[in-house]
Amino acid sequence: MQDEMAIHMGRGLRSILHGFTSIEQLGEFGMPLDRNKSFSILLNTFIEGIHAVMLNQPET
């Protein structure tokens, strides 16, 4: 099950990276906020989610 979860997590990270960079390349971040801070918050939130999921996984 952990191998399967790793694939899901990898897909999630890839989607985050692709989506954020695509929006940035298109110049679609209209608000004058620091994009690097937004990206950092996004990644940290994803990582915290991974930790939460892994803590709730039954040990095999």
N, C-alpha and C. Protein backbone atom coordinates (compact mmCIF):
# COMPACT_ATOMS: atom_id res chain seq x y z
N MET A 1 0.82 -1.20 0.00
CA MET A 1 0.00 0.00 0.00
C MET A 1 0.86 1.26 0.00
N GLN A 2 2.04 1.22 0.62
CA GLN A 2 2.88 2.40 0.65
C GLN A 2 3.40 2.76 -0.73
N ASP A 3 3.68 1.76 -1.57
CA ASP A 3 4.11 2.04 -2.93
C ASP A 3 3.01 2.76 -3.71
N GLU A 4 1.78 2.31 -3.52
CA GLU A 4 0.65 2.94 -4.18
C GLU A 4 0.47 4.38 -3.67
N MET A 5 0.61 4.57 -2.37
CA MET A 5 0.47 5.90 -1.79
C MET A 5 1.57 6.83 -2.32
N ALA A 6 2.77 6.31 -2.48
CA ALA A 6 3.87 7.11 -3.01
C ALA A 6 3.55 7.59 -4.43
N ILE A 7 2.91 6.74 -5.21
CA ILE A 7 2.52 7.13 -6.57
C ILE A 7 1.48 8.26 -6.51
N HIS A 8 0.51 8.12 -5.63
CA HIS A 8 -0.51 9.17 -5.48
C HIS A 8 0.15 10.50 -5.06
N MET A 9 1.05 10.42 -4.12
CA MET A 9 1.73 11.63 -3.64
C MET A 9 2.58 12.25 -4.75
N GLY A 10 3.24 11.42 -5.50
CA GLY A 10 4.04 11.93 -6.62
C GLY A 10 3.18 12.61 -7.67
N ARG A 11 2.04 12.03 -7.95
CA ARG A 11 1.10 12.65 -8.89
C ARG A 11 0.62 14.01 -8.38
N GLY A 12 0.33 14.04 -7.08
CA GLY A 12 -0.12 15.30 -6.48
C GLY A 12 0.94 16.38 -6.58
N LEU A 13 2.18 16.03 -6.24
CA LEU A 13 3.27 17.01 -6.33
C LEU A 13 3.48 17.47 -7.76
N ARG A 14 3.46 16.53 -8.68
CA ARG A 14 3.64 16.88 -10.09
C ARG A 14 2.53 17.83 -10.56
N SER A 15 1.32 17.57 -10.14
CA SER A 15 0.19 18.43 -10.50
C SER A 15 0.36 19.83 -9.92
N ILE A 16 0.79 19.90 -8.67
CA ILE A 16 1.04 21.20 -8.05
C ILE A 16 2.09 21.97 -8.81
N LEU A 17 3.20 21.32 -9.11
CA LEU A 17 4.30 21.99 -9.82
C LEU A 17 3.87 22.45 -11.20
N HIS A 18 3.19 21.56 -11.93
CA HIS A 18 2.75 21.90 -13.28
C HIS A 18 1.74 23.05 -13.27
N GLY A 19 0.77 22.95 -12.38
CA GLY A 19 -0.25 23.99 -12.31
C GLY A 19 0.31 25.35 -11.94
N PHE A 20 1.15 25.38 -10.92
CA PHE A 20 1.70 26.65 -10.46
C PHE A 20 2.58 27.28 -11.54
N THR A 21 3.46 26.47 -12.12
CA THR A 21 4.37 27.02 -13.14
C THR A 21 3.61 27.44 -14.40
N SER A 22 2.57 26.69 -14.76
CA SER A 22 1.78 27.06 -15.94
C SER A 22 1.09 28.40 -15.72
N ILE A 23 0.49 28.58 -14.56
CA ILE A 23 -0.18 29.85 -14.25
C ILE A 23 0.84 30.98 -14.23
N GLU A 24 2.00 30.71 -13.65
CA GLU A 24 3.04 31.75 -13.60
C GLU A 24 3.53 32.12 -15.00
N GLN A 25 3.77 31.14 -15.85
CA GLN A 25 4.24 31.40 -17.21
C GLN A 25 3.23 32.19 -18.02
N LEU A 26 1.96 31.98 -17.76
CA LEU A 26 0.91 32.70 -18.48
C LEU A 26 0.66 34.09 -17.91
N GLY A 27 1.33 34.41 -16.82
CA GLY A 27 1.15 35.71 -16.19
C GLY A 27 -0.21 35.88 -15.56
N GLU A 28 -0.79 34.79 -15.11
CA GLU A 28 -2.15 34.80 -14.58
C GLU A 28 -2.25 35.08 -13.09
N PHE A 29 -1.13 35.28 -12.41
CA PHE A 29 -1.19 35.67 -11.01
C PHE A 29 -1.38 37.18 -10.98
N GLY A 30 -2.63 37.62 -10.90
CA GLY A 30 -2.96 39.03 -11.04
C GLY A 30 -2.72 39.87 -9.80
N MET A 31 -2.77 39.27 -8.64
CA MET A 31 -2.61 40.05 -7.42
C MET A 31 -1.13 40.32 -7.16
N PRO A 32 -0.84 41.50 -6.62
CA PRO A 32 0.56 41.86 -6.37
C PRO A 32 1.09 41.24 -5.07
N LEU A 33 1.04 39.93 -4.98
CA LEU A 33 1.58 39.21 -3.82
C LEU A 33 2.82 38.44 -4.25
N ASP A 34 3.68 38.18 -3.30
CA ASP A 34 4.93 37.45 -3.56
C ASP A 34 4.61 36.01 -4.00
N ARG A 35 4.90 35.69 -5.24
CA ARG A 35 4.62 34.35 -5.77
C ARG A 35 5.48 33.29 -5.10
N ASN A 36 6.71 33.66 -4.73
CA ASN A 36 7.57 32.70 -4.04
C ASN A 36 6.98 32.31 -2.69
N LYS A 37 6.40 33.27 -1.99
CA LYS A 37 5.76 32.97 -0.70
C LYS A 37 4.54 32.08 -0.92
N SER A 38 3.75 32.38 -1.95
CA SER A 38 2.60 31.54 -2.28
C SER A 38 3.03 30.10 -2.57
N PHE A 39 4.10 29.96 -3.34
CA PHE A 39 4.61 28.64 -3.70
C PHE A 39 5.10 27.90 -2.45
N SER A 40 5.80 28.61 -1.59
CA SER A 40 6.29 28.01 -0.36
C SER A 40 5.14 27.54 0.53
N ILE A 41 4.12 28.37 0.67
CA ILE A 41 2.95 27.98 1.46
C ILE A 41 2.28 26.76 0.85
N LEU A 42 2.16 26.73 -0.46
CA LEU A 42 1.55 25.61 -1.16
C LEU A 42 2.31 24.31 -0.91
N LEU A 43 3.63 24.36 -1.08
CA LEU A 43 4.43 23.15 -0.87
C LEU A 43 4.42 22.70 0.59
N ASN A 44 4.52 23.66 1.49
CA ASN A 44 4.50 23.30 2.92
C ASN A 44 3.16 22.67 3.31
N THR A 45 2.07 23.17 2.75
CA THR A 45 0.76 22.60 3.02
C THR A 45 0.68 21.17 2.49
N PHE A 46 1.20 20.95 1.29
CA PHE A 46 1.21 19.61 0.71
C PHE A 46 2.05 18.66 1.57
N ILE A 47 3.21 19.10 2.00
CA ILE A 47 4.09 18.27 2.83
C ILE A 47 3.43 17.95 4.16
N GLU A 48 2.78 18.94 4.77
CA GLU A 48 2.05 18.69 6.02
C GLU A 48 0.94 17.66 5.80
N GLY A 49 0.29 17.74 4.65
CA GLY A 49 -0.74 16.75 4.32
C GLY A 49 -0.17 15.35 4.18
N ILE A 50 1.00 15.24 3.57
CA ILE A 50 1.66 13.94 3.46
C ILE A 50 1.94 13.39 4.85
N HIS A 51 2.47 14.24 5.72
CA HIS A 51 2.76 13.79 7.09
C HIS A 51 1.49 13.31 7.78
N ALA A 52 0.40 14.04 7.63
CA ALA A 52 -0.86 13.66 8.26
C ALA A 52 -1.36 12.32 7.72
N VAL A 53 -1.27 12.13 6.42
CA VAL A 53 -1.71 10.87 5.82
C VAL A 53 -0.85 9.71 6.31
N MET A 54 0.45 9.92 6.35
CA MET A 54 1.35 8.85 6.75
C MET A 54 1.16 8.47 8.22
N LEU A 55 0.83 9.44 9.06
CA LEU A 55 0.57 9.15 10.48
C LEU A 55 -0.69 8.32 10.66
N ASN A 56 -1.62 8.44 9.73
CA ASN A 56 -2.89 7.72 9.83
C ASN A 56 -2.90 6.40 9.07
N GLN A 57 -1.78 6.05 8.44
CA GLN A 57 -1.70 4.80 7.69
C GLN A 57 -1.42 3.65 8.65
N PRO A 58 -2.14 2.55 8.51
CA PRO A 58 -1.82 1.39 9.35
C PRO A 58 -0.45 0.83 8.96
N GLU A 59 0.28 0.40 9.95
CA GLU A 59 1.61 -0.18 9.68
C GLU A 59 1.45 -1.56 9.07
N THR A 60 2.34 -1.86 8.11
CA THR A 60 2.26 -3.18 7.47
C THR A 60 3.38 -4.05 7.92
